[in-house]
Amino acid sequence: MRVDHQAEGIHLPDIDLWLDAREPVGANWISHAHSDHARGVHRCTYGTPPTLALYRMRVDVPEDARLCALAYGDSVLHGEAKLTAMPAAHIVGAAQLLVEWRGERLVYTGDIKLQRPLCGVETRPVPCDQLIIESTFGLPVYRFLSCEQARERMVAFARECLADGATPAFLGYPLGRGQEVVYALRQAGVPVQVHGAIARYLPVYEEQGWQMGGWEPYEAKAGKGRALVVVPGMRAYLEASGRNVRVAYVSGWAALSNARTRAGAEFLIPYSDHAGFDELLALVRATGAREVDVVHGYTEAFARILRAEGIAARGITHATRQAQD
């Protein structure tokens, strides 16, 4: 199946389907609802129900727009092609797309991780002939904690700070990491205040079974005796507030040696909603794909590693996005 990588996104010309298009197109698959993947209003948009719900919240989508929801394992015909959504364990609703056309099987992962997430459905590798995989962390330095290890470190840091009379603050992106941190802390009974940019998406997670009950809205002059879950842009404000705030950085980038300085954080938790290096290799091997296009992140470096294993891989460098991790 032909794959055309363009500035607007990835196009499958044989079936006229776009994958995470950046500009308005005819038919488009949205792998997940981060703004670097879910953009524009298209004539026809495919995605999982949570992804489409978040897409409507983040993009001004007309009420009469044609949205085709695919639950995990569900399929739909797009012309001669059969499209099937499969879990990707990135953020809520994230999905791989299996395209079956004239005896060929192509899988587009979107952002993906192999380890079980704190909030989400575990990834199941999908056998295919062609694979398009994102390689945000495609170097051996990126190896991450399991969700159990990350939860233990988050809860221990929060409890230690609170016991010392300090306010633990966790930095999280508005969609994805923020909700996972809230979930981990609330499941452990830690009192939490949540920034509004993160809180607005909590109901979508709860609708999928990830209960966050008991959290409070973030208030600038309150928070004593509670952990804070705020967006990264709040770090400087917290430092200038004069309060005894201790900051934790929960991210894949926390695996880097300079992460503490970069993040301005005291405590590092290398946990990601993307696959680490070993996970990416395991995913590719499990699919059995003969041809692999590596997109986003360390594309050519990871493609070279795959070619050393005898896989026909190419790194696509012109379609780089800023990863939201």
C-alpha atoms as a PDB file:
ATOM      1  CA  MET A   1       0.000   0.000   0.000  1.00  0.00           C
ATOM      2  CA  ARG A   2       1.411   3.386  -0.913  1.00  0.00           C
ATOM      3  CA  VAL A   3       2.190   5.804   1.925  1.00  0.00           C
ATOM      4  CA  ASP A   4       2.702   9.473   1.134  1.00  0.00           C
ATOM      5  CA  HIS A   5       4.214  11.641   3.893  1.00  0.00           C
ATOM      6  CA  GLN A   6       3.250  15.266   3.348  1.00  0.00           C
ATOM      7  CA  ALA A   7       3.354  18.502   5.306  1.00  0.00           C
ATOM      8  CA  GLU A   8      -0.413  18.135   5.872  1.00  0.00           C
ATOM      9  CA  GLY A   9      -0.027  14.668   7.359  1.00  0.00           C
ATOM     10  CA  ILE A  10       0.196  11.049   6.209  1.00  0.00           C
ATOM     11  CA  HIS A  11      -1.855  10.088   3.149  1.00  0.00           C
ATOM     12  CA  LEU A  12      -2.816   6.642   1.895  1.00  0.00           C
ATOM     13  CA  PRO A  13      -3.574   7.504  -1.750  1.00  0.00           C
ATOM     14  CA  ASP A  14      -4.788   4.024  -2.734  1.00  0.00           C
ATOM     15  CA  ILE A  15      -7.813   4.456  -0.448  1.00  0.00           C
ATOM     16  CA  ASP A  16      -7.739   8.280  -0.122  1.00  0.00           C
ATOM     17  CA  LEU A  17      -7.466   8.303   3.664  1.00  0.00           C
ATOM     18  CA  TRP A  18      -5.393  10.685   5.756  1.00  0.00           C
ATOM     19  CA  LEU A  19      -3.821   9.884   9.119  1.00  0.00           C
ATOM     20  CA  ASP A  20      -3.708  12.690  11.699  1.00  0.00           C
ATOM     21  CA  ALA A  21      -3.946  15.392   9.048  1.00  0.00           C
ATOM     22  CA  ARG A  22      -2.869  18.881  10.107  1.00  0.00           C
ATOM     23  CA  GLU A  23      -5.084  20.652   7.577  1.00  0.00           C
ATOM     24  CA  PRO A  24      -8.725  20.052   6.523  1.00  0.00           C
ATOM     25  CA  VAL A  25      -8.981  17.042   4.189  1.00  0.00           C
ATOM     26  CA  GLY A  26     -11.638  14.666   2.887  1.00  0.00           C
ATOM     27  CA  ALA A  27     -11.412  11.566   5.106  1.00  0.00           C
ATOM     28  CA  ASN A  28      -9.145  11.550   8.156  1.00  0.00           C
ATOM     29  CA  TRP A  29      -8.273   9.181  11.004  1.00  0.00           C
ATOM     30  CA  ILE A  30      -7.476  10.794  14.376  1.00  0.00           C
ATOM     31  CA  SER A  31      -5.269   8.539  16.484  1.00  0.00           C
ATOM     32  CA  HIS A  32      -5.811  10.568  19.680  1.00  0.00           C
ATOM     33  CA  ALA A  33      -6.925  14.012  20.794  1.00  0.00           C
ATOM     34  CA  HIS A  34      -3.661  15.853  21.448  1.00  0.00           C
ATOM     35  CA  SER A  35      -3.613  19.075  19.453  1.00  0.00           C
ATOM     36  CA  ASP A  36      -0.600  17.986  17.395  1.00  0.00           C
ATOM     37  CA  HIS A  37      -2.687  15.103  16.015  1.00  0.00           C
ATOM     38  CA  ALA A  38      -6.305  16.282  16.157  1.00  0.00           C
ATOM     39  CA  ARG A  39      -6.568  19.392  14.017  1.00  0.00           C
ATOM     40  CA  GLY A  40      -8.921  20.901  11.480  1.00  0.00           C
ATOM     41  CA  VAL A  41     -12.462  20.030  10.442  1.00  0.00           C
ATOM     42  CA  HIS A  42     -12.643  17.310   7.810  1.00  0.00           C
ATOM     43  CA  ARG A  43     -15.467  16.068   5.616  1.00  0.00           C
ATOM     44  CA  CYS A  44     -15.279  12.696   7.385  1.00  0.00           C
ATOM     45  CA  THR A  45     -13.438  11.989  10.635  1.00  0.00           C
ATOM     46  CA  TYR A  46     -12.770   8.547  12.121  1.00  0.00           C
ATOM     47  CA  GLY A  47     -11.720   7.987  15.752  1.00  0.00           C
ATOM     48  CA  THR A  48     -12.669   6.221  18.960  1.00  0.00           C
ATOM     49  CA  PRO A  49     -15.628   7.616  20.959  1.00  0.00           C
ATOM     50  CA  PRO A  50     -13.415   9.240  23.672  1.00  0.00           C
ATOM     51  CA  THR A  51     -11.128  10.732  21.020  1.00  0.00           C
ATOM     52  CA  LEU A  52     -14.047  12.241  19.131  1.00  0.00           C
ATOM     53  CA  ALA A  53     -15.545  13.596  22.377  1.00  0.00           C
ATOM     54  CA  LEU A  54     -12.240  15.297  23.215  1.00  0.00           C
ATOM     55  CA  TYR A  55     -11.881  16.465  19.604  1.00  0.00           C
ATOM     56  CA  ARG A  56     -15.219  18.270  19.902  1.00  0.00           C
ATOM     57  CA  MET A  57     -14.049  19.885  23.152  1.00  0.00           C
ATOM     58  CA  ARG A  58     -10.793  21.136  21.630  1.00  0.00           C
ATOM     59  CA  VAL A  59     -11.812  21.998  18.046  1.00  0.00           C
ATOM     60  CA  ASP A  60     -14.776  24.044  16.848  1.00  0.00           C
ATOM     61  CA  VAL A  61     -16.476  21.130  15.089  1.00  0.00           C
ATOM     62  CA  PRO A  62     -19.874  21.871  13.497  1.00  0.00           C
ATOM     63  CA  GLU A  63     -22.745  19.862  14.946  1.00  0.00           C
ATOM     64  CA  ASP A  64     -23.495  18.382  11.529  1.00  0.00           C
ATOM     65  CA  ALA A  65     -19.891  17.257  10.902  1.00  0.00           C
ATOM     66  CA  ARG A  66     -19.594  13.620   9.864  1.00  0.00           C
ATOM     67  CA  LEU A  67     -17.872  11.782  12.716  1.00  0.00           C
ATOM     68  CA  CYS A  68     -17.498   7.998  12.573  1.00  0.00           C
ATOM     69  CA  ALA A  69     -16.827   6.458  15.988  1.00  0.00           C
ATOM     70  CA  LEU A  70     -14.968   3.146  16.180  1.00  0.00           C
ATOM     71  CA  ALA A  71     -14.694   1.384  19.530  1.00  0.00           C
ATOM     72  CA  TYR A  72     -11.693  -0.859  20.089  1.00  0.00           C
ATOM     73  CA  GLY A  73     -12.045  -3.922  17.882  1.00  0.00           C
ATOM     74  CA  ASP A  74     -14.788  -2.370  15.740  1.00  0.00           C
ATOM     75  CA  SER A  75     -14.433  -2.099  11.966  1.00  0.00           C
ATOM     76  CA  VAL A  76     -15.912  -0.010   9.171  1.00  0.00           C
ATOM     77  CA  LEU A  77     -15.586  -0.058   5.394  1.00  0.00           C
ATOM     78  CA  HIS A  78     -13.927   2.934   3.779  1.00  0.00           C
ATOM     79  CA  GLY A  79     -14.327   2.305   0.087  1.00  0.00           C
ATOM     80  CA  GLU A  80     -12.610  -1.034  -0.547  1.00  0.00           C
ATOM     81  CA  ALA A  81     -10.621  -0.852   2.694  1.00  0.00           C
ATOM     82  CA  LYS A  82     -11.566  -2.241   6.098  1.00  0.00           C
ATOM     83  CA  LEU A  83     -10.587   0.005   9.020  1.00  0.00           C
ATOM     84  CA  THR A  84     -10.271  -1.400  12.556  1.00  0.00           C
ATOM     85  CA  ALA A  85      -9.443   0.514  15.753  1.00  0.00           C
ATOM     86  CA  MET A  86      -7.058  -1.129  18.239  1.00  0.00           C
ATOM     87  CA  PRO A  87      -5.802   0.155  21.645  1.00  0.00           C
ATOM     88  CA  ALA A  88      -2.650   2.276  21.784  1.00  0.00           C
ATOM     89  CA  ALA A  89      -2.363   3.009  25.571  1.00  0.00           C
ATOM     90  CA  HIS A  90      -1.220   6.616  25.083  1.00  0.00           C
ATOM     91  CA  ILE A  91      -4.018   8.811  26.455  1.00  0.00           C
ATOM     92  CA  VAL A  92      -7.689   8.001  26.903  1.00  0.00           C
ATOM     93  CA  GLY A  93      -9.169   6.901  23.561  1.00  0.00           C
ATOM     94  CA  ALA A  94      -5.816   6.593  21.775  1.00  0.00           C
ATOM     95  CA  ALA A  95      -5.908   3.939  19.081  1.00  0.00           C
ATOM     96  CA  GLN A  96      -3.914   2.230  16.393  1.00  0.00           C
ATOM     97  CA  LEU A  97      -5.543   1.888  12.997  1.00  0.00           C
ATOM     98  CA  LEU A  98      -5.436  -1.391  11.094  1.00  0.00           C
ATOM     99  CA  VAL A  99      -6.078  -0.919   7.363  1.00  0.00           C
ATOM    100  CA  GLU A 100      -6.854  -4.049   5.340  1.00  0.00           C
ATOM    101  CA  TRP A 101      -6.925  -3.559   1.569  1.00  0.00           C
ATOM    102  CA  ARG A 102      -6.575  -6.115  -1.234  1.00  0.00           C
ATOM    103  CA  GLY A 103      -4.841  -8.671   0.973  1.00  0.00           C
ATOM    104  CA  GLU A 104      -2.460  -6.147   2.559  1.00  0.00           C
ATOM    105  CA  ARG A 105      -2.377  -5.132   6.215  1.00  0.00           C
ATOM    106  CA  LEU A 106      -1.053  -1.722   7.291  1.00  0.00           C
ATOM    107  CA  VAL A 107      -0.980  -0.453  10.894  1.00  0.00           C
ATOM    108  CA  TYR A 108      -0.582   3.175  11.945  1.00  0.00           C
ATOM    109  CA  THR A 109       0.232   3.420  15.658  1.00  0.00           C
ATOM    110  CA  GLY A 110      -0.054   7.132  16.335  1.00  0.00           C
ATOM    111  CA  ASP A 111       1.507   7.867  19.729  1.00  0.00           C
ATOM    112  CA  ILE A 112       1.719   4.563  21.555  1.00  0.00           C
ATOM    113  CA  LYS A 113       3.189   2.722  24.520  1.00  0.00           C
ATOM    114  CA  LEU A 114       3.472  -1.003  25.208  1.00  0.00           C
ATOM    115  CA  GLN A 115       3.560  -1.015  29.003  1.00  0.00           C
ATOM    116  CA  ARG A 116       0.236  -0.894  30.826  1.00  0.00           C
ATOM    117  CA  PRO A 117      -0.813   2.734  31.464  1.00  0.00           C
ATOM    118  CA  LEU A 118      -2.139   4.210  34.700  1.00  0.00           C
ATOM    119  CA  CYS A 119      -5.337   5.177  32.858  1.00  0.00           C
ATOM    120  CA  GLY A 120      -6.149   3.413  29.631  1.00  0.00           C
ATOM    121  CA  VAL A 121      -6.436   0.144  27.745  1.00  0.00           C
ATOM    122  CA  GLU A 122      -3.263  -1.888  27.306  1.00  0.00           C
ATOM    123  CA  THR A 123      -1.770  -2.021  23.806  1.00  0.00           C
ATOM    124  CA  ARG A 124      -2.080  -5.203  21.790  1.00  0.00           C
ATOM    125  CA  PRO A 125       0.472  -5.450  18.945  1.00  0.00           C
ATOM    126  CA  VAL A 126      -1.265  -6.019  15.611  1.00  0.00           C
ATOM    127  CA  PRO A 127       0.340  -8.293  12.972  1.00  0.00           C
ATOM    128  CA  CYS A 128       0.816  -6.453   9.691  1.00  0.00           C
ATOM    129  CA  ASP A 129       2.839  -6.163   6.486  1.00  0.00           C
ATOM    130  CA  GLN A 130       3.479  -2.428   6.772  1.00  0.00           C
ATOM    131  CA  LEU A 131       3.883  -0.409   9.955  1.00  0.00           C
ATOM    132  CA  ILE A 132       3.924   3.341  10.527  1.00  0.00           C
ATOM    133  CA  ILE A 133       5.218   3.907  14.060  1.00  0.00           C
ATOM    134  CA  GLU A 134       5.976   6.989  16.122  1.00  0.00           C
ATOM    135  CA  SER A 135       9.454   7.038  17.718  1.00  0.00           C
ATOM    136  CA  THR A 136       9.322   9.919  20.185  1.00  0.00           C
ATOM    137  CA  PHE A 137      11.753   8.092  22.484  1.00  0.00           C
ATOM    138  CA  GLY A 138      13.596   5.913  19.983  1.00  0.00           C
ATOM    139  CA  LEU A 139      17.043   5.904  21.642  1.00  0.00           C
ATOM    140  CA  PRO A 140      18.401   3.443  24.261  1.00  0.00           C
ATOM    141  CA  VAL A 141      18.654   6.170  26.926  1.00  0.00           C
ATOM    142  CA  TYR A 142      14.862   6.231  27.185  1.00  0.00           C
ATOM    143  CA  ARG A 143      13.725   3.466  29.511  1.00  0.00           C
ATOM    144  CA  PHE A 144      10.768   4.175  31.768  1.00  0.00           C
ATOM    145  CA  LEU A 145       9.160   3.082  35.020  1.00  0.00           C
ATOM    146  CA  SER A 146       6.146   0.806  34.999  1.00  0.00           C
ATOM    147  CA  CYS A 147       2.840   2.355  36.033  1.00  0.00           C
ATOM    148  CA  GLU A 148       3.112   0.583  39.411  1.00  0.00           C
ATOM    149  CA  GLN A 149       6.588   2.025  40.067  1.00  0.00           C
ATOM    150  CA  ALA A 150       5.502   5.493  38.939  1.00  0.00           C
ATOM    151  CA  ARG A 151       2.420   5.393  41.175  1.00  0.00           C
ATOM    152  CA  GLU A 152       4.513   4.394  44.189  1.00  0.00           C
ATOM    153  CA  ARG A 153       6.976   7.260  43.617  1.00  0.00           C
ATOM    154  CA  MET A 154       4.240   9.850  43.109  1.00  0.00           C
ATOM    155  CA  VAL A 155       2.365   8.829  46.234  1.00  0.00           C
ATOM    156  CA  ALA A 156       5.533   8.570  48.349  1.00  0.00           C
ATOM    157  CA  PHE A 157       6.704  12.046  47.253  1.00  0.00           C
ATOM    158  CA  ALA A 158       3.300  13.572  47.977  1.00  0.00           C
ATOM    159  CA  ARG A 159       3.032  11.999  51.428  1.00  0.00           C
ATOM    160  CA  GLU A 160       6.609  12.940  52.374  1.00  0.00           C
ATOM    161  CA  CYS A 161       6.026  16.579  51.391  1.00  0.00           C
ATOM    162  CA  LEU A 162       2.724  16.819  53.221  1.00  0.00           C
ATOM    163  CA  ALA A 163       4.231  15.249  56.341  1.00  0.00           C
ATOM    164  CA  ASP A 164       6.981  17.921  56.260  1.00  0.00           C
ATOM    165  CA  GLY A 165       4.443  20.743  55.912  1.00  0.00           C
ATOM    166  CA  ALA A 166       5.382  21.354  52.272  1.00  0.00           C
ATOM    167  CA  THR A 167       3.093  21.443  49.229  1.00  0.00           C
ATOM    168  CA  PRO A 168       3.898  18.816  46.584  1.00  0.00           C
ATOM    169  CA  ALA A 169       3.273  20.068  43.047  1.00  0.00           C
ATOM    170  CA  PHE A 170       3.139  17.769  40.032  1.00  0.00           C
ATOM    171  CA  LEU A 171       3.540  19.238  36.551  1.00  0.00           C
ATOM    172  CA  GLY A 172       1.325  17.626  33.919  1.00  0.00           C
ATOM    173  CA  TYR A 173       0.091  18.388  30.424  1.00  0.00           C
ATOM    174  CA  PRO A 174      -3.580  19.425  30.272  1.00  0.00           C
ATOM    175  CA  LEU A 175      -4.559  16.190  28.534  1.00  0.00           C
ATOM    176  CA  GLY A 176      -2.986  12.855  29.453  1.00  0.00           C
ATOM    177  CA  ARG A 177      -0.302  13.137  32.100  1.00  0.00           C
ATOM    178  CA  GLY A 178      -2.316  15.464  34.322  1.00  0.00           C
ATOM    179  CA  GLN A 179      -5.236  13.054  34.585  1.00  0.00           C
ATOM    180  CA  GLU A 180      -2.951  10.080  35.270  1.00  0.00           C
ATOM    181  CA  VAL A 181      -1.298  11.902  38.171  1.00  0.00           C
ATOM    182  CA  VAL A 182      -4.679  12.875  39.622  1.00  0.00           C
ATOM    183  CA  TYR A 183      -5.874   9.274  39.331  1.00  0.00           C
ATOM    184  CA  ALA A 184      -2.774   7.833  41.031  1.00  0.00           C
ATOM    185  CA  LEU A 185      -2.947  10.277  43.935  1.00  0.00           C
ATOM    186  CA  ARG A 186      -6.695  10.032  44.489  1.00  0.00           C
ATOM    187  CA  GLN A 187      -6.653   6.225  44.400  1.00  0.00           C
ATOM    188  CA  ALA A 188      -4.116   6.426  47.238  1.00  0.00           C
ATOM    189  CA  GLY A 189      -6.291   8.873  49.183  1.00  0.00           C
ATOM    190  CA  VAL A 190      -3.984  11.876  48.765  1.00  0.00           C
ATOM    191  CA  PRO A 191      -5.937  15.203  48.873  1.00  0.00           C
ATOM    192  CA  VAL A 192      -5.542  16.945  45.510  1.00  0.00           C
ATOM    193  CA  GLN A 193      -6.220  20.331  43.950  1.00  0.00           C
ATOM    194  CA  VAL A 194      -6.341  20.288  40.143  1.00  0.00           C
ATOM    195  CA  HIS A 195      -5.673  23.110  37.691  1.00  0.00           C
ATOM    196  CA  GLY A 196      -8.701  23.923  35.529  1.00  0.00           C
ATOM    197  CA  ALA A 197      -6.931  23.097  32.250  1.00  0.00           C
ATOM    198  CA  ILE A 198      -6.508  19.526  33.518  1.00  0.00           C
ATOM    199  CA  ALA A 199      -9.807  19.272  35.400  1.00  0.00           C
ATOM    200  CA  ARG A 200     -11.948  20.006  32.321  1.00  0.00           C
ATOM    201  CA  TYR A 201     -10.996  16.633  30.809  1.00  0.00           C
ATOM    202  CA  LEU A 202     -11.425  14.540  33.967  1.00  0.00           C
ATOM    203  CA  PRO A 203     -15.084  13.706  33.131  1.00  0.00           C
ATOM    204  CA  VAL A 204     -14.011  12.013  29.875  1.00  0.00           C
ATOM    205  CA  TYR A 205     -11.655   9.770  31.836  1.00  0.00           C
ATOM    206  CA  GLU A 206     -14.317   9.032  34.417  1.00  0.00           C
ATOM    207  CA  GLU A 207     -16.789   8.077  31.686  1.00  0.00           C
ATOM    208  CA  GLN A 208     -14.264   5.418  30.656  1.00  0.00           C
ATOM    209  CA  GLY A 209     -14.061   4.022  34.199  1.00  0.00           C
ATOM    210  CA  TRP A 210     -11.112   5.907  35.713  1.00  0.00           C
ATOM    211  CA  GLN A 211     -12.668   7.443  38.817  1.00  0.00           C
ATOM    212  CA  MET A 212     -11.002  10.593  40.203  1.00  0.00           C
ATOM    213  CA  GLY A 213     -13.508  11.394  42.952  1.00  0.00           C
ATOM    214  CA  GLY A 214     -12.698  13.792  45.764  1.00  0.00           C
ATOM    215  CA  TRP A 215     -10.392  16.242  43.989  1.00  0.00           C
ATOM    216  CA  GLU A 216     -10.796  20.004  44.446  1.00  0.00           C
ATOM    217  CA  PRO A 217     -10.326  22.879  41.979  1.00  0.00           C
ATOM    218  CA  TYR A 218      -6.973  24.614  42.196  1.00  0.00           C
ATOM    219  CA  GLU A 219      -7.025  27.904  44.125  1.00  0.00           C
ATOM    220  CA  ALA A 220      -4.020  30.213  44.080  1.00  0.00           C
ATOM    221  CA  LYS A 221      -4.244  31.114  47.775  1.00  0.00           C
ATOM    222  CA  ALA A 222      -5.169  27.659  49.043  1.00  0.00           C
ATOM    223  CA  GLY A 223      -3.634  24.246  48.764  1.00  0.00           C
ATOM    224  CA  LYS A 224      -2.034  23.688  52.177  1.00  0.00           C
ATOM    225  CA  GLY A 225      -2.340  20.036  53.112  1.00  0.00           C
ATOM    226  CA  ARG A 226      -3.042  19.096  49.502  1.00  0.00           C
ATOM    227  CA  ALA A 227      -0.999  18.037  46.498  1.00  0.00           C
ATOM    228  CA  LEU A 228      -1.251  20.268  43.437  1.00  0.00           C
ATOM    229  CA  VAL A 229      -1.566  18.949  39.891  1.00  0.00           C
ATOM    230  CA  VAL A 230      -0.922  21.868  37.575  1.00  0.00           C
ATOM    231  CA  VAL A 231       0.214  22.604  34.027  1.00  0.00           C
ATOM    232  CA  PRO A 232       3.965  23.128  33.364  1.00  0.00           C
ATOM    233  CA  GLY A 233       3.495  26.865  32.825  1.00  0.00           C
ATOM    234  CA  MET A 234       2.602  27.226  36.519  1.00  0.00           C
ATOM    235  CA  ARG A 235       6.076  26.291  37.776  1.00  0.00           C
ATOM    236  CA  ALA A 236       7.491  29.827  37.772  1.00  0.00           C
ATOM    237  CA  TYR A 237       4.358  31.168  39.469  1.00  0.00           C
ATOM    238  CA  LEU A 238       4.573  28.545  42.215  1.00  0.00           C
ATOM    239  CA  GLU A 239       8.221  29.371  42.833  1.00  0.00           C
ATOM    240  CA  ALA A 240       7.430  33.100  43.076  1.00  0.00           C
ATOM    241  CA  SER A 241       4.480  32.577  45.410  1.00  0.00           C
ATOM    242  CA  GLY A 242       6.654  32.346  48.498  1.00  0.00           C
ATOM    243  CA  ARG A 243       4.987  29.105  49.541  1.00  0.00           C
ATOM    244  CA  ASN A 244       6.937  26.017  50.538  1.00  0.00           C
ATOM    245  CA  VAL A 245       6.370  24.163  47.259  1.00  0.00           C
ATOM    246  CA  ARG A 246       8.333  21.121  46.121  1.00  0.00           C
ATOM    247  CA  VAL A 247       8.025  20.201  42.448  1.00  0.00           C
ATOM    248  CA  ALA A 248       7.947  16.720  40.878  1.00  0.00           C
ATOM    249  CA  TYR A 249       8.498  16.159  37.156  1.00  0.00           C
ATOM    250  CA  VAL A 250       6.680  13.122  35.767  1.00  0.00           C
ATOM    251  CA  SER A 251       7.741  12.633  32.147  1.00  0.00           C
ATOM    252  CA  GLY A 252       9.689  10.523  29.695  1.00  0.00           C
ATOM    253  CA  TRP A 253      12.112  13.432  29.455  1.00  0.00           C
ATOM    254  CA  ALA A 254      12.924  12.844  33.145  1.00  0.00           C
ATOM    255  CA  ALA A 255      15.161   9.988  31.948  1.00  0.00           C
ATOM    256  CA  LEU A 256      17.714  12.542  30.720  1.00  0.00           C
ATOM    257  CA  SER A 257      20.660  13.540  32.913  1.00  0.00           C
ATOM    258  CA  ASN A 258      19.813  17.257  32.638  1.00  0.00           C
ATOM    259  CA  ALA A 259      16.100  16.804  33.359  1.00  0.00           C
ATOM    260  CA  ARG A 260      16.187  18.336  36.840  1.00  0.00           C
ATOM    261  CA  THR A 261      17.669  21.575  35.532  1.00  0.00           C
ATOM    262  CA  ARG A 262      15.457  21.658  32.428  1.00  0.00           C
ATOM    263  CA  ALA A 263      12.257  21.121  34.392  1.00  0.00           C
ATOM    264  CA  GLY A 264      13.180  23.131  37.465  1.00  0.00           C
ATOM    265  CA  ALA A 265      12.072  20.180  39.566  1.00  0.00           C
ATOM    266  CA  GLU A 266      13.405  18.618  42.720  1.00  0.00           C
ATOM    267  CA  PHE A 267      12.087  15.107  42.101  1.00  0.00           C
ATOM    268  CA  LEU A 268      12.175  13.168  38.816  1.00  0.00           C
ATOM    269  CA  ILE A 269       9.810  10.348  37.859  1.00  0.00           C
ATOM    270  CA  PRO A 270      10.709   8.902  34.419  1.00  0.00           C
ATOM    271  CA  TYR A 271       7.259   7.672  33.455  1.00  0.00           C
ATOM    272  CA  SER A 272       5.803   8.307  30.009  1.00  0.00           C
ATOM    273  CA  ASP A 273       2.632   7.837  28.002  1.00  0.00           C
ATOM    274  CA  HIS A 274       4.909   7.027  25.047  1.00  0.00           C
ATOM    275  CA  ALA A 275       6.849   3.821  24.471  1.00  0.00           C
ATOM    276  CA  GLY A 276      10.453   3.741  25.600  1.00  0.00           C
ATOM    277  CA  PHE A 277      13.206   2.348  23.412  1.00  0.00           C
ATOM    278  CA  ASP A 278      12.793  -1.308  24.426  1.00  0.00           C
ATOM    279  CA  GLU A 279       9.020  -1.054  24.032  1.00  0.00           C
ATOM    280  CA  LEU A 280       9.348   0.352  20.512  1.00  0.00           C
ATOM    281  CA  LEU A 281      11.632  -2.504  19.477  1.00  0.00           C
ATOM    282  CA  ALA A 282       9.276  -5.048  21.018  1.00  0.00           C
ATOM    283  CA  LEU A 283       6.289  -3.498  19.238  1.00  0.00           C
ATOM    284  CA  VAL A 284       7.957  -3.602  15.824  1.00  0.00           C
ATOM    285  CA  ARG A 285       9.115  -7.188  16.295  1.00  0.00           C
ATOM    286  CA  ALA A 286       5.681  -8.307  17.501  1.00  0.00           C
ATOM    287  CA  THR A 287       3.943  -6.974  14.386  1.00  0.00           C
ATOM    288  CA  GLY A 288       6.187  -8.928  12.038  1.00  0.00           C
ATOM    289  CA  ALA A 289       6.082  -5.973   9.629  1.00  0.00           C
ATOM    290  CA  ARG A 290       8.336  -6.238   6.576  1.00  0.00           C
ATOM    291  CA  GLU A 291       8.297  -2.482   5.938  1.00  0.00           C
ATOM    292  CA  VAL A 292       8.390   0.194   8.646  1.00  0.00           C
ATOM    293  CA  ASP A 293       8.063   3.960   8.356  1.00  0.00           C
ATOM    294  CA  VAL A 294       9.377   5.703  11.481  1.00  0.00           C
ATOM    295  CA  VAL A 295       7.773   9.084  12.117  1.00  0.00           C
ATOM    296  CA  HIS A 296       8.398  11.769  14.759  1.00  0.00           C
ATOM    297  CA  GLY A 297      11.219  11.866  17.260  1.00  0.00           C
ATOM    298  CA  TYR A 298      14.478  10.027  16.583  1.00  0.00           C
ATOM    299  CA  THR A 299      13.292   8.795  13.214  1.00  0.00           C
ATOM    300  CA  GLU A 300      16.484   8.031  11.298  1.00  0.00           C
ATOM    301  CA  ALA A 301      18.379   6.754  14.334  1.00  0.00           C
ATOM    302  CA  PHE A 302      15.624   4.274  15.167  1.00  0.00           C
ATOM    303  CA  ALA A 303      15.224   3.305  11.503  1.00  0.00           C
ATOM    304  CA  ARG A 304      18.947   2.469  11.342  1.00  0.00           C
ATOM    305  CA  ILE A 305      18.558   0.189  14.357  1.00  0.00           C
ATOM    306  CA  LEU A 306      15.666  -1.597  12.626  1.00  0.00           C
ATOM    307  CA  ARG A 307      17.636  -1.934   9.379  1.00  0.00           C
ATOM    308  CA  ALA A 308      20.431  -3.601  11.357  1.00  0.00           C
ATOM    309  CA  GLU A 309      17.849  -6.248  12.261  1.00  0.00           C
ATOM    310  CA  GLY A 310      17.039  -6.806   8.599  1.00  0.00           C
ATOM    311  CA  ILE A 311      13.819  -4.771   8.542  1.00  0.00           C
ATOM    312  CA  ALA A 312      13.192  -2.427   5.611  1.00  0.00           C
ATOM    313  CA  ALA A 313      12.819   0.788   7.625  1.00  0.00           C
ATOM    314  CA  ARG A 314      12.958   4.441   6.670  1.00  0.00           C
ATOM    315  CA  GLY A 315      13.034   7.499   8.885  1.00  0.00           C
ATOM    316  CA  ILE A 316      10.610  10.257   7.914  1.00  0.00           C
ATOM    317  CA  THR A 317      12.072  13.540   9.118  1.00  0.00           C
ATOM    318  CA  HIS A 318       9.907  16.236   7.546  1.00  0.00           C
ATOM    319  CA  ALA A 319       6.735  15.455   9.527  1.00  0.00           C
ATOM    320  CA  THR A 320       8.117  16.114  13.025  1.00  0.00           C
ATOM    321  CA  ARG A 321       5.656  17.197  15.731  1.00  0.00           C
ATOM    322  CA  GLN A 322       6.309  18.488  19.196  1.00  0.00           C
ATOM    323  CA  ALA A 323       5.562  15.546  21.470  1.00  0.00           C
ATOM    324  CA  GLN A 324       3.189  16.238  24.365  1.00  0.00           C
ATOM    325  CA  ASP A 325       4.663  14.128  27.126  1.00  0.00           C
END
